[in-house]
């Protein structure tokens, strides 16, 4: 029956209130398909004498508001007029706020419900725990976990899955795993939640191990989590096997999966494979275009990234804030100063995107990489937003590379206020003093690190070989092949000298003899990793290394020559970008 006809029928009836309420609820259930109709039905009920505090009418009004994702202020006004709402109504208002932009209000209403002596039921906790996971409040999650144990709901599968999600979303993977271990019945949701939690919280090895132990058939969500883990590790070969697997599962047309696959190849330095995935996609959304633009940028192909951006615009797609981060990043890493400022202006004027801190960070990085350290500092001072630690750290890094002690000390003073325990800042300042040969100041910085209990993050390099990921640190001799690796490093040093290589000892920022500096440079983790791969792979096989710190100038120069001597493509992924070495040159064109 049409809404207008039903209203006419009700208006013709001179019926008692319960009958009117029943008819209005029927209207809500059959005709309440939009916010406009919802308001009309509500107004109709009030006009015909249904009071604001009618519990049945209020219950269905709130349910309809939440189902339509209408403003929660409407649901709130209806709810506050009710006397003694039942558990269904409490659960609905909790659910509505859990799905809104104000998840903390769901927790507030849960507390009010307990104070009103209304006992939660099996439906309360999934909604409530969703709110906790969105607010990232792990302490609140632990408190609710305790309540579920006391009232016996903790053994229910959907409560356990919700608890798993809370701990994983809050980064507490240990607690998530404990919940998982205690589950008698682990469904696909449980496996996916934990695998994704490990993948997103810097524990990709555990994510992959858990996948191998899966007791149920995986789905598209599983594959997305696996691809994220492979991308985090730089495990390209494993990612390729996941690619084959997802084709067997029939997930070729799943946009979330194909976007994750594109992201994997880009993050593993296989940018041509990323382009191939992009080319084969039947449907490309803004995420697809943005992923490839960012991928090309970080792989050192800035010009191609900007060409792709122009093509995206030509397709009529609207770039997002993240797209412009990729575009500005491309300009920054390719030294395109004027182009970078041009795109920054277009972002504001043509697309109406208000710059966020990430965009300002790209502009500071653009000036810093170009050696315009003073201009970068002036830009920071004139920014309409408060600079964060990343921006000051970018300036400090530029001062270390390009030599500007005064501004470096200013940047460090700001960092001490924002993130006083960040080990990288101590190292950058120490390196800045060392580059100026101010060894006493170097000692002061290092002593303050010890006093403050700050430990330097050790540099390491990862390589993938035969279904395993190997980790190397500077001077690492723990591997069974260490003797052969270091013998090869000695041979490489001789071959490099024949090619005219002179160790860049300025990179060893320590007060030691030149010979000791040369030896220290020979054993940097990326060189050890490259030597290991030269020993264990066939001639002509590409070598891929993932490094957690910025590659130094000496290693950059040496690996360029190694790629020529051994006729290998060597891809190094450092903390901010990729370097594709081939035939004695690098994709970054020595600008990084």
Protein backbone atom coordinates (compact mmCIF):
# COMPACT_ATOMS: atom_id res chain seq x y z
CA UNK A 1 0.00 0.00 0.00
CA UNK A 2 1.26 3.50 -0.84
CA UNK A 3 2.28 5.85 1.95
CA UNK A 4 -0.42 8.47 1.04
CA UNK A 5 -3.17 5.83 0.94
CA UNK A 6 -2.13 4.38 4.29
CA UNK A 7 -2.13 7.85 5.85
CA UNK A 8 -5.65 8.49 4.48
CA UNK A 9 -6.84 5.19 5.90
CA UNK A 10 -5.46 6.01 9.34
CA UNK A 11 -6.94 9.51 9.25
CA UNK A 12 -10.41 8.10 8.42
CA UNK A 13 -10.22 5.79 11.44
CA UNK A 14 -11.39 7.28 14.70
CA UNK A 15 -9.37 4.67 16.55
CA UNK A 16 -7.92 4.42 20.05
CA UNK A 17 -4.25 5.28 20.62
CA UNK A 18 -2.81 1.72 20.56
CA UNK A 19 -4.33 1.19 17.12
CA UNK A 20 -2.85 4.52 15.91
CA UNK A 21 0.60 3.56 17.21
CA UNK A 22 0.38 0.18 15.47
CA UNK A 23 -0.56 1.89 12.20
CA UNK A 24 2.29 4.46 12.51
CA UNK A 25 4.78 1.65 13.19
CA UNK A 26 3.46 -0.12 10.09
CA UNK A 27 4.03 3.12 8.17
CA UNK A 28 7.62 3.28 9.42
CA UNK A 29 8.26 -0.33 8.45
CA UNK A 30 6.71 -0.12 4.99
CA UNK A 31 7.29 3.50 3.94
CA UNK A 32 10.15 4.85 6.08
CA UNK A 33 12.70 4.57 3.26
CA UNK A 34 14.09 8.11 3.50
CA UNK A 35 14.69 10.77 6.11
CA UNK A 36 11.96 12.93 4.56
CA UNK A 37 9.33 10.17 4.89
CA UNK A 38 10.54 9.37 8.39
CA UNK A 39 9.93 12.98 9.48
CA UNK A 40 6.50 12.99 7.79
CA UNK A 41 5.43 9.82 9.63
CA UNK A 42 6.74 11.20 12.93
CA UNK A 43 4.87 14.48 12.40
CA UNK A 44 1.73 12.53 11.46
CA UNK A 45 1.90 10.52 14.70
CA UNK A 46 2.30 13.64 16.83
CA UNK A 47 -0.55 15.40 15.00
CA UNK A 48 -2.83 12.49 15.81
CA UNK A 49 -2.02 12.42 19.49
CA UNK A 50 0.79 9.90 19.84
CA UNK A 51 2.87 11.33 22.71
CA UNK A 52 6.61 11.99 22.39
CA UNK A 53 7.36 9.49 25.15
CA UNK A 54 5.43 6.56 23.70
CA UNK A 55 7.89 3.67 24.12
CA UNK A 56 6.77 1.62 21.11
CA UNK A 57 6.75 4.56 18.71
CA UNK A 58 10.07 5.80 20.07
CA UNK A 59 11.63 2.35 19.72
CA UNK A 60 10.76 2.11 16.02
CA UNK A 61 11.59 5.76 15.30
CA UNK A 62 15.12 5.31 16.69
CA UNK A 63 15.50 1.99 14.84
CA UNK A 64 14.52 3.69 11.54
CA UNK A 65 16.85 6.67 12.15
CA UNK A 66 19.79 4.31 12.72
CA UNK A 67 18.87 2.07 9.77
CA UNK A 68 18.78 5.11 7.46
CA UNK A 69 22.07 6.50 8.88
CA UNK A 70 20.15 9.70 9.58
CA UNK A 71 21.65 12.31 11.96
CA UNK A 72 22.00 10.82 15.43
CA UNK A 73 20.82 14.11 16.93
CA UNK A 74 17.31 13.10 15.77
CA UNK A 75 17.59 9.70 17.49
CA UNK A 76 18.98 11.41 20.60
CA UNK A 77 16.01 13.80 20.84
CA UNK A 78 13.55 10.91 20.51
CA UNK A 79 15.49 8.80 23.03
CA UNK A 80 15.68 11.50 25.73
CA UNK A 81 11.87 11.87 25.65
CA UNK A 82 11.37 8.19 26.53
CA UNK A 83 10.75 6.89 30.05
CA UNK A 84 12.51 3.64 30.93
CA UNK A 85 13.52 2.52 27.42
CA UNK A 86 13.90 -1.24 27.04
CA UNK A 87 17.07 -3.14 26.09
CA UNK A 88 16.16 -3.11 22.37
CA UNK A 89 16.04 0.70 22.39
CA UNK A 90 19.29 1.01 24.38
CA UNK A 91 21.01 -1.38 21.95
CA UNK A 92 19.74 0.61 18.97
CA UNK A 93 21.03 3.96 20.26
CA UNK A 94 24.39 2.30 21.13
CA UNK A 95 24.52 0.79 17.63
CA UNK A 96 23.73 4.15 16.02
CA UNK A 97 26.54 5.97 17.80
CA UNK A 98 28.93 3.04 17.22
CA UNK A 99 28.36 3.52 13.47
CA UNK A 100 28.64 7.33 13.68
CA UNK A 101 31.57 9.73 13.82
CA UNK A 102 31.12 9.92 17.62
CA UNK A 103 31.72 6.34 18.82
CA UNK A 104 32.57 7.51 22.35
CA UNK A 105 28.89 8.43 22.81
CA UNK A 106 28.01 4.75 22.36
CA UNK A 107 30.20 3.99 25.40
CA UNK A 108 28.51 6.87 27.27
CA UNK A 109 25.04 5.41 26.58
CA UNK A 110 26.20 1.96 27.67
CA UNK A 111 27.24 3.42 31.03
CA UNK A 112 23.89 5.23 31.32
CA UNK A 113 22.12 1.95 30.58
CA UNK A 114 23.99 0.18 33.41
CA UNK A 115 23.15 3.08 35.79
CA UNK A 116 19.48 2.68 34.75
CA UNK A 117 19.68 -0.97 35.91
CA UNK A 118 18.99 -2.32 32.41
CA UNK A 119 21.03 -5.49 31.89
CA UNK A 120 22.92 -5.88 28.59
CA UNK A 121 22.03 -8.82 26.36
CA UNK A 122 23.81 -10.77 23.62
CA UNK A 123 23.24 -7.96 21.09
CA UNK A 124 24.77 -5.21 23.25
CA UNK A 125 28.42 -6.21 23.05
CA UNK A 126 29.06 -6.42 19.29
CA UNK A 127 27.74 -2.83 18.91
CA UNK A 128 29.56 -1.59 22.00
CA UNK A 129 32.87 -3.24 21.08
CA UNK A 130 32.62 -1.80 17.57
CA UNK A 131 32.49 1.66 19.18
CA UNK A 132 35.51 0.81 21.35
CA UNK A 133 37.53 -0.36 18.32
CA UNK A 134 36.68 2.86 16.42
CA UNK A 135 37.71 5.02 19.40
CA UNK A 136 40.93 2.94 19.80
CA UNK A 137 40.42 2.83 23.56
CA UNK A 138 42.02 -0.47 24.54
CA UNK A 139 41.51 0.14 28.31
CA UNK A 140 37.77 0.48 27.76
CA UNK A 141 37.92 -2.72 25.70
CA UNK A 142 39.63 -4.56 28.54
CA UNK A 143 36.98 -3.35 31.00
CA UNK A 144 34.14 -4.56 28.77
CA UNK A 145 35.99 -7.85 28.21
CA UNK A 146 35.96 -8.36 32.00
CA UNK A 147 32.21 -7.66 32.12
CA UNK A 148 31.52 -10.25 29.38
CA UNK A 149 33.45 -12.84 31.40
CA UNK A 150 31.45 -12.02 34.55
CA UNK A 151 28.06 -12.27 32.83
CA UNK A 152 28.97 -15.31 30.74
CA UNK A 153 28.75 -13.71 27.29
CA UNK A 154 32.47 -14.09 26.57
CA UNK A 155 31.96 -17.62 25.18
CA UNK A 156 29.62 -16.44 22.40
CA UNK A 157 31.29 -16.45 18.98
CA UNK A 158 30.18 -12.98 17.88
CA UNK A 159 31.32 -11.48 21.21
CA UNK A 160 34.72 -13.20 20.86
CA UNK A 161 35.08 -11.92 17.28
CA UNK A 162 34.22 -8.40 18.46
CA UNK A 163 36.83 -8.62 21.23
CA UNK A 164 39.38 -9.87 18.69
CA UNK A 165 38.62 -6.86 16.50
CA UNK A 166 38.98 -4.43 19.42
CA UNK A 167 42.43 -5.67 20.42
CA UNK A 168 43.65 -5.90 16.82
CA UNK A 169 42.35 -2.41 15.95
CA UNK A 170 44.01 -0.97 19.06
CA UNK A 171 47.35 -2.60 18.16
CA UNK A 172 47.32 -5.03 21.09
CA UNK A 173 48.02 -8.13 18.99
CA UNK A 174 49.18 -10.15 22.03
CA UNK A 175 45.76 -9.84 23.69
CA UNK A 176 44.05 -10.52 20.35
CA UNK A 177 46.03 -13.73 19.99
CA UNK A 178 45.13 -14.81 23.56
CA UNK A 179 41.42 -14.37 22.77
CA UNK A 180 41.92 -16.33 19.53
CA UNK A 181 43.70 -19.18 21.32
CA UNK A 182 40.84 -19.55 23.81
CA UNK A 183 38.19 -19.76 21.08
CA UNK A 184 36.76 -23.25 20.63
CA UNK A 185 35.08 -22.40 17.32
CA UNK A 186 37.14 -20.17 15.00
CA UNK A 187 35.21 -19.03 11.95
CA UNK A 188 36.51 -17.13 8.90
CA UNK A 189 35.85 -13.78 10.63
CA UNK A 190 38.15 -14.76 13.52
CA UNK A 191 40.99 -15.89 11.23
CA UNK A 192 40.68 -12.80 9.04
CA UNK A 193 40.56 -10.42 12.00
CA UNK A 194 43.75 -11.79 13.56
CA UNK A 195 45.66 -12.09 10.25
CA UNK A 196 44.71 -8.51 9.39
CA UNK A 197 45.63 -7.35 12.91
CA UNK A 198 49.12 -8.81 12.57
CA UNK A 199 49.52 -7.41 9.04
CA UNK A 200 48.51 -3.86 10.04
CA UNK A 201 50.51 -3.77 13.27
CA UNK A 202 53.99 -4.44 11.92
CA UNK A 203 53.95 -8.22 12.41
CA UNK A 204 53.75 -9.53 8.83
CA UNK A 205 55.64 -12.77 9.59
CA UNK A 206 53.00 -13.77 12.15
CA UNK A 207 50.24 -12.92 9.63
CA UNK A 208 51.79 -15.26 7.07
CA UNK A 209 52.36 -18.02 9.65
CA UNK A 210 48.73 -17.80 10.76
CA UNK A 211 47.54 -18.02 7.14
CA UNK A 212 49.44 -21.30 6.72
CA UNK A 213 47.58 -22.65 9.78
CA UNK A 214 44.10 -21.55 8.61
CA UNK A 215 41.46 -24.16 9.28
CA UNK A 216 38.82 -22.61 6.99
CA UNK A 217 38.62 -21.58 3.32
CA UNK A 218 40.06 -18.03 2.89
CA UNK A 219 38.18 -15.23 1.10
CA UNK A 220 38.93 -11.85 -0.48
CA UNK A 221 39.48 -10.17 2.89
CA UNK A 222 42.08 -12.81 3.79
CA UNK A 223 43.90 -12.18 0.52
CA UNK A 224 43.94 -8.40 1.08
CA UNK A 225 45.52 -8.95 4.54
CA UNK A 226 48.09 -11.36 3.07
CA UNK A 227 49.04 -8.89 0.35
CA UNK A 228 49.44 -6.17 3.00
CA UNK A 229 51.78 -8.45 4.98
CA UNK A 230 53.84 -9.27 1.87
CA UNK A 231 54.07 -5.57 1.00
CA UNK A 232 55.24 -4.72 4.53
CA UNK A 233 57.98 -7.37 4.34
CA UNK A 234 58.91 -6.64 0.72
CA UNK A 235 58.24 -10.36 0.08
CA UNK A 236 57.67 -10.15 -3.66
CA UNK A 237 57.91 -13.87 -4.48
CA UNK A 238 55.42 -14.76 -1.78
CA UNK A 239 53.16 -11.97 -3.03
CA UNK A 240 53.32 -13.43 -6.54
CA UNK A 241 52.16 -16.77 -5.18
CA UNK A 242 49.28 -15.02 -3.42
CA UNK A 243 48.49 -13.43 -6.80
CA UNK A 244 48.21 -16.90 -8.42
CA UNK A 245 46.13 -18.09 -5.46
CA UNK A 246 43.62 -15.22 -5.70
CA UNK A 247 43.12 -15.99 -9.39
CA UNK A 248 42.20 -19.58 -8.41
CA UNK A 249 39.72 -18.19 -5.87
CA UNK A 250 38.08 -16.15 -8.65
CA UNK A 251 38.90 -12.78 -7.08
CA UNK A 252 40.22 -11.12 -10.26
CA UNK A 253 37.24 -8.72 -10.37
CA UNK A 254 37.34 -7.81 -6.66
CA UNK A 255 38.48 -4.14 -6.64
CA UNK A 256 39.76 -4.30 -3.02
CA UNK A 257 41.93 -7.29 -3.92
CA UNK A 258 43.27 -5.83 -7.19
CA UNK A 259 44.04 -2.50 -5.51
CA UNK A 260 45.96 -4.37 -2.78
CA UNK A 261 47.79 -6.36 -5.46
CA UNK A 262 48.77 -3.15 -7.25
CA UNK A 263 49.97 -1.72 -3.93
CA UNK A 264 52.02 -4.88 -3.24
CA UNK A 265 53.94 -4.70 -6.52
CA UNK A 266 54.54 -0.96 -6.11
CA UNK A 267 55.83 -1.40 -2.53
CA UNK A 268 58.09 -4.28 -3.59
CA UNK A 269 59.71 -2.20 -6.33
CA UNK A 270 58.09 -4.24 -9.15
CA UNK A 271 56.53 -1.11 -10.62
CA UNK A 272 56.11 -2.56 -14.12
CA UNK A 273 54.07 -5.43 -12.66
CA UNK A 274 51.99 -2.85 -10.78
CA UNK A 275 51.35 -1.09 -14.10
CA UNK A 276 50.35 -4.42 -15.65
CA UNK A 277 47.81 -5.06 -12.87
CA UNK A 278 46.46 -1.53 -13.40
CA UNK A 279 46.19 -2.09 -17.14
CA UNK A 280 44.25 -5.35 -16.67
CA UNK A 281 41.73 -3.94 -14.17
CA UNK A 282 38.19 -4.00 -15.54
CA UNK A 283 37.19 -1.21 -13.17
CA UNK A 284 39.58 1.45 -11.93
CA UNK A 285 38.49 3.71 -9.10
CA UNK A 286 40.26 6.72 -7.58
CA UNK A 287 42.12 4.37 -5.19
CA UNK A 288 43.58 2.46 -8.17
CA UNK A 289 44.84 5.63 -9.87
CA UNK A 290 46.19 7.05 -6.61
CA UNK A 291 47.99 3.79 -5.72
CA UNK A 292 49.83 3.75 -9.04
CA UNK A 293 50.63 7.48 -8.93
CA UNK A 294 52.13 7.10 -5.43
CA UNK A 295 53.87 3.86 -6.49
CA UNK A 296 55.54 5.50 -9.49
CA UNK A 297 56.57 8.45 -7.32
CA UNK A 298 58.25 6.37 -4.59
CA UNK A 299 59.96 4.21 -7.21
CA UNK A 300 61.67 7.27 -8.68
CA UNK A 301 59.53 7.61 -11.80
CA UNK A 302 58.19 11.08 -11.02
CA UNK A 303 57.61 12.15 -14.61
CA UNK A 304 55.49 9.03 -15.24
CA UNK A 305 53.54 9.69 -12.03
CA UNK A 306 52.68 13.20 -13.18
CA UNK A 307 51.73 11.95 -16.66
CA UNK A 308 49.39 9.42 -15.05
CA UNK A 309 47.87 12.18 -12.93
CA UNK A 310 47.11 14.17 -16.09
CA UNK A 311 45.53 11.04 -17.60
CA UNK A 312 43.42 10.62 -14.46
CA UNK A 313 42.18 14.18 -14.80
CA UNK A 314 41.45 13.54 -18.49
CA UNK A 315 39.22 10.61 -17.46
CA UNK A 316 37.12 13.02 -15.39
CA UNK A 317 38.08 11.45 -12.07
CA UNK A 318 38.40 13.79 -9.12
CA UNK A 319 41.75 13.44 -7.29
CA UNK A 320 41.63 13.06 -3.53
CA UNK A 321 43.82 14.52 -0.78
CA UNK A 322 45.93 11.35 -0.94
CA UNK A 323 46.32 11.65 -4.72
CA UNK A 324 47.88 15.07 -4.23
CA UNK A 325 50.22 13.68 -1.56
CA UNK A 326 51.50 11.31 -4.28
CA UNK A 327 51.79 14.12 -6.85
CA UNK A 328 53.68 16.42 -4.45
CA UNK A 329 55.88 13.49 -3.38
CA UNK A 330 56.77 12.88 -7.03
CA UNK A 331 57.77 16.52 -7.44
CA UNK A 332 59.79 16.43 -4.22
CA UNK A 333 61.77 13.31 -5.12
CA UNK A 334 62.47 14.46 -8.67
CA UNK A 335 63.50 18.01 -7.80
CA UNK A 336 60.52 19.59 -9.62
CA UNK A 337 60.34 22.72 -7.49
CA UNK A 338 58.15 24.96 -9.68
CA UNK A 339 55.84 22.07 -10.63
CA UNK A 340 55.38 21.19 -6.96
CA UNK A 341 54.24 24.69 -6.03
CA UNK A 342 52.01 24.74 -9.13
CA UNK A 343 50.21 21.52 -8.13
CA UNK A 344 49.88 22.78 -4.54
CA UNK A 345 48.09 25.90 -5.86
CA UNK A 346 45.85 23.83 -8.17
CA UNK A 347 44.89 21.53 -5.32
CA UNK A 348 43.47 24.52 -3.42
CA UNK A 349 42.10 26.64 -6.25
CA UNK A 350 40.80 24.09 -8.77
CA UNK A 351 39.75 21.23 -6.51
CA UNK A 352 38.93 23.11 -3.31
CA UNK A 353 41.06 20.74 -1.22
CA UNK A 354 42.29 22.44 1.92
CA UNK A 355 45.95 21.44 2.47
CA UNK A 356 46.55 19.11 5.39
CA UNK A 357 49.73 18.66 7.40
CA UNK A 358 50.85 15.91 4.97
CA UNK A 359 50.70 18.35 2.02
CA UNK A 360 52.67 21.00 3.90
CA UNK A 361 55.16 18.29 4.83
CA UNK A 362 55.66 17.50 1.13
CA UNK A 363 56.35 21.18 0.41
CA UNK A 364 58.92 21.40 3.23
CA UNK A 365 60.50 18.21 1.86
CA UNK A 366 60.49 19.68 -1.66
CA UNK A 367 62.49 22.74 -0.52
CA UNK A 368 64.73 20.69 1.80
CA UNK A 369 65.76 18.15 -0.86
CA UNK A 370 66.60 21.01 -3.20
CA UNK A 371 69.04 22.31 -0.56
CA UNK A 372 66.91 25.41 0.12
CA UNK A 373 67.09 24.92 3.87
CA UNK A 374 66.52 28.59 4.84
CA UNK A 375 63.48 28.82 2.54
CA UNK A 376 62.14 25.57 4.07
CA UNK A 377 62.44 27.09 7.56
CA UNK A 378 60.67 30.27 6.43
CA UNK A 379 57.92 28.16 4.86
CA UNK A 380 57.43 26.31 8.16
CA UNK A 381 57.17 29.60 10.03
CA UNK A 382 54.47 30.88 7.65
CA UNK A 383 52.36 27.69 7.57
CA UNK A 384 48.72 28.18 8.70
CA UNK A 385 48.87 24.88 10.63
CA UNK A 386 51.07 23.94 13.55
CA UNK A 387 54.14 22.00 12.27
CA UNK A 388 54.39 18.47 13.64
CA UNK A 389 57.44 16.40 14.52
CA UNK A 390 57.71 14.95 10.99
CA UNK A 391 58.10 18.43 9.49
CA UNK A 392 60.77 19.50 11.99
CA UNK A 393 62.52 16.16 11.47
CA UNK A 394 62.54 16.76 7.70
CA UNK A 395 64.24 20.12 8.29
CA UNK A 396 66.76 18.58 10.71
CA UNK A 397 67.60 15.87 8.18
CA UNK A 398 68.10 18.50 5.47
CA UNK A 399 70.39 20.49 7.78
CA UNK A 400 72.47 17.32 8.32
CA UNK A 401 72.75 16.58 4.59
CA UNK A 402 73.25 20.12 3.32
CA UNK A 403 75.09 21.50 6.36
CA UNK A 404 73.27 24.14 8.40
CA UNK A 405 74.08 23.84 12.07
CA UNK A 406 72.08 26.83 13.36
CA UNK A 407 68.77 25.79 11.81
CA UNK A 408 69.46 22.17 12.76
CA UNK A 409 69.66 23.15 16.43
CA UNK A 410 66.39 25.15 16.10
CA UNK A 411 64.65 22.13 14.54
CA UNK A 412 65.99 19.90 17.32
CA UNK A 413 64.69 22.28 20.02
CA UNK A 414 61.17 21.94 18.59
CA UNK A 415 61.51 18.15 18.38
CA UNK A 416 62.51 17.99 22.05
CA UNK A 417 59.13 19.52 22.91
CA UNK A 418 57.12 17.30 20.54
CA UNK A 419 58.84 13.89 20.68
CA UNK A 420 61.71 14.04 23.20
CA UNK A 421 62.42 10.27 23.10
CA UNK A 422 62.73 9.77 19.32
CA UNK A 423 66.12 8.10 18.76
CA UNK A 424 66.39 9.26 15.14
CA UNK A 425 66.53 12.92 16.21
CA UNK A 426 69.52 12.28 18.50
CA UNK A 427 71.27 10.48 15.64
CA UNK A 428 70.57 13.31 13.15
CA UNK A 429 71.89 15.96 15.54
CA UNK A 430 74.92 13.81 16.40
CA UNK A 431 75.62 13.37 12.67
CA UNK A 432 75.24 17.10 12.10
CA UNK A 433 77.85 17.85 14.79
CA UNK A 434 80.09 15.09 13.44
CA UNK A 435 79.93 16.52 9.91
CA UNK A 436 81.22 19.79 11.42
CA UNK A 437 83.89 17.76 13.31
CA UNK A 438 82.51 18.95 16.64
CA UNK A 439 83.33 15.69 18.43
CA UNK A 440 82.75 17.03 21.96
CA UNK A 441 79.17 17.96 21.02
CA UNK A 442 78.74 14.47 19.53
CA UNK A 443 79.71 13.00 22.90
CA UNK A 444 77.26 15.31 24.70
CA UNK A 445 74.40 14.09 22.46
CA UNK A 446 75.35 10.43 22.95
CA UNK A 447 75.62 10.85 26.73
CA UNK A 448 72.17 12.46 26.81
CA UNK A 449 70.81 9.46 24.89
CA UNK A 450 72.17 7.15 27.57
CA UNK A 451 70.87 9.36 30.38
CA UNK A 452 67.38 9.56 28.83
CA UNK A 453 67.30 5.81 28.14
CA UNK A 454 66.97 6.30 24.37
CA UNK A 455 68.29 3.48 22.17
CA UNK A 456 69.32 4.00 18.57
CA UNK A 457 67.27 2.04 16.02
CA UNK A 458 69.76 -0.37 14.42
CA UNK A 459 69.96 -0.41 10.63
CA UNK A 460 68.95 -3.66 8.96
CA UNK A 461 68.29 -4.98 5.46
CA UNK A 462 65.84 -7.71 4.44
CA UNK A 463 66.01 -9.99 1.39
CA UNK A 464 63.68 -12.78 0.27
CA UNK A 465 65.06 -16.12 -0.87
CA UNK A 466 63.35 -19.52 -1.18
CA UNK A 467 60.18 -18.75 0.82
CA UNK A 468 62.18 -17.13 3.59
CA UNK A 469 63.03 -13.55 4.53
CA UNK A 470 66.62 -13.02 5.75
CA UNK A 471 67.68 -10.08 7.90
CA UNK A 472 71.19 -8.57 7.94
CA UNK A 473 72.67 -5.90 10.17
CA UNK A 474 75.95 -4.03 9.84
CA UNK A 475 78.87 -6.43 10.21
CA UNK A 476 76.43 -9.31 10.79
CA UNK A 477 78.20 -12.70 10.94
CA UNK A 478 75.38 -14.82 12.36
CA UNK A 479 74.40 -16.38 9.05
CA UNK A 480 75.85 -19.84 8.19
CA UNK A 481 77.23 -18.40 4.92
CA UNK A 482 78.90 -15.43 6.62
CA UNK A 483 82.44 -16.54 5.70
CA UNK A 484 81.54 -16.75 2.00
CA UNK A 485 79.60 -13.47 2.13
CA UNK A 486 82.50 -11.53 3.64
CA UNK A 487 84.98 -13.12 1.24
CA UNK A 488 82.77 -11.89 -1.61
CA UNK A 489 82.62 -8.41 -0.03
CA UNK A 490 86.43 -8.28 -0.10
CA UNK A 491 86.38 -9.26 -3.77
CA UNK A 492 83.69 -6.66 -4.50
CA UNK A 493 85.84 -3.96 -2.84
CA UNK A 494 88.72 -4.79 -5.21
CA UNK A 495 86.46 -4.78 -8.28
CA UNK A 496 84.93 -1.46 -7.23
CA UNK A 497 88.36 0.17 -6.98
CA UNK A 498 89.13 -1.00 -10.54
CA UNK A 499 85.99 0.89 -11.61
CA UNK A 500 87.32 4.06 -9.97
CA UNK A 501 85.35 3.81 -6.73
CA UNK A 502 86.69 5.80 -3.78
CA UNK A 503 84.99 5.16 -0.41
CA UNK A 504 82.84 8.09 0.69
CA UNK A 505 84.31 8.21 4.19
CA UNK A 506 82.42 11.39 5.04
CA UNK A 507 79.49 9.04 5.70
CA UNK A 508 81.33 7.52 8.67
CA UNK A 509 80.61 10.16 11.26
CA UNK A 510 83.08 9.00 13.87
CA UNK A 511 86.47 10.23 15.07
CA UNK A 512 88.48 7.26 13.70
CA UNK A 513 91.21 6.69 11.09
CA UNK A 514 90.40 6.65 7.34
CA UNK A 515 91.26 2.94 7.03
CA UNK A 516 88.79 2.07 9.79
CA UNK A 517 86.16 4.23 8.08
CA UNK A 518 86.64 2.36 4.79
CA UNK A 519 86.25 -0.98 6.55
CA UNK A 520 83.08 0.22 8.34
CA UNK A 521 81.55 1.28 5.01
CA UNK A 522 82.23 -2.14 3.45
CA UNK A 523 80.01 -3.88 5.99
CA UNK A 524 76.84 -1.76 5.81
CA UNK A 525 73.78 -4.02 5.98
CA UNK A 526 72.63 -3.39 2.39
CA UNK A 527 76.07 -4.39 1.03
CA UNK A 528 76.02 -7.58 3.12
CA UNK A 529 72.51 -8.34 1.82
CA UNK A 530 73.52 -7.72 -1.82
CA UNK A 531 76.59 -9.99 -1.44
CA UNK A 532 74.38 -12.73 0.07
CA UNK A 533 72.01 -12.54 -2.91
CA UNK A 534 74.87 -12.52 -5.44
CA UNK A 535 76.06 -15.79 -3.88
CA UNK A 536 72.65 -17.45 -3.83
CA UNK A 537 70.91 -16.41 -7.05
CA UNK A 538 71.57 -17.15 -10.71
CA UNK A 539 73.37 -14.57 -12.91
CA UNK A 540 70.95 -11.98 -14.26
CA UNK A 541 68.39 -12.47 -11.47
CA UNK A 542 67.13 -9.13 -10.04
CA UNK A 543 68.07 -8.48 -6.42
CA UNK A 544 65.64 -6.73 -4.08
CA UNK A 545 66.64 -5.37 -0.67
CA UNK A 546 64.45 -3.63 1.91
CA UNK A 547 66.30 -1.30 4.30
CA UNK A 548 64.76 0.42 7.32
CA UNK A 549 66.99 3.53 7.17
CA UNK A 550 68.00 5.98 4.45
CA UNK A 551 70.64 4.50 2.14
CA UNK A 552 73.94 6.36 2.58
CA UNK A 553 75.82 8.10 -0.26
CA UNK A 554 78.65 5.54 -0.20
CA UNK A 555 76.33 2.53 -0.51
CA UNK A 556 74.41 4.32 -3.25
CA UNK A 557 77.59 4.92 -5.24
CA UNK A 558 78.92 1.37 -4.61
CA UNK A 559 75.66 -0.39 -5.54
CA UNK A 560 75.44 1.58 -8.78
CA UNK A 561 78.83 0.11 -9.76
CA UNK A 562 77.94 -3.40 -8.48
CA UNK A 563 74.88 -3.38 -10.77
CA UNK A 564 77.22 -2.66 -13.69
CA UNK A 565 80.00 -5.13 -12.70
CA UNK A 566 77.61 -8.06 -12.15
CA UNK A 567 75.05 -7.02 -14.78
CA UNK A 568 72.20 -7.16 -12.27
CA UNK A 569 69.15 -5.03 -11.58
CA UNK A 570 69.33 -4.15 -7.87
CA UNK A 571 66.32 -2.58 -6.20
CA UNK A 572 66.82 -1.00 -2.76
CA UNK A 573 63.77 0.14 -0.81
CA UNK A 574 64.90 2.48 1.97
CA UNK A 575 62.71 4.27 4.53
CA UNK A 576 61.35 6.82 2.04
CA UNK A 577 61.71 5.55 -1.55
CA UNK A 578 63.04 2.98 -4.02
CA UNK A 579 66.33 3.02 -5.87
CA UNK A 580 66.41 1.00 -9.10
CA UNK A 581 70.07 0.36 -9.97
CA UNK A 582 70.88 -0.88 -13.44
CA UNK A 583 74.01 -0.66 -15.60
CA UNK A 584 75.79 1.74 -13.25
CA UNK A 585 72.98 4.28 -12.82
CA UNK A 586 70.01 4.76 -10.48
CA UNK A 587 66.38 5.71 -11.14
CA UNK A 588 66.70 8.58 -8.65
CA UNK A 589 69.33 10.21 -10.88
CA UNK A 590 71.40 10.79 -7.72
CA UNK A 591 68.70 13.05 -6.28
CA UNK A 592 67.36 11.63 -3.04
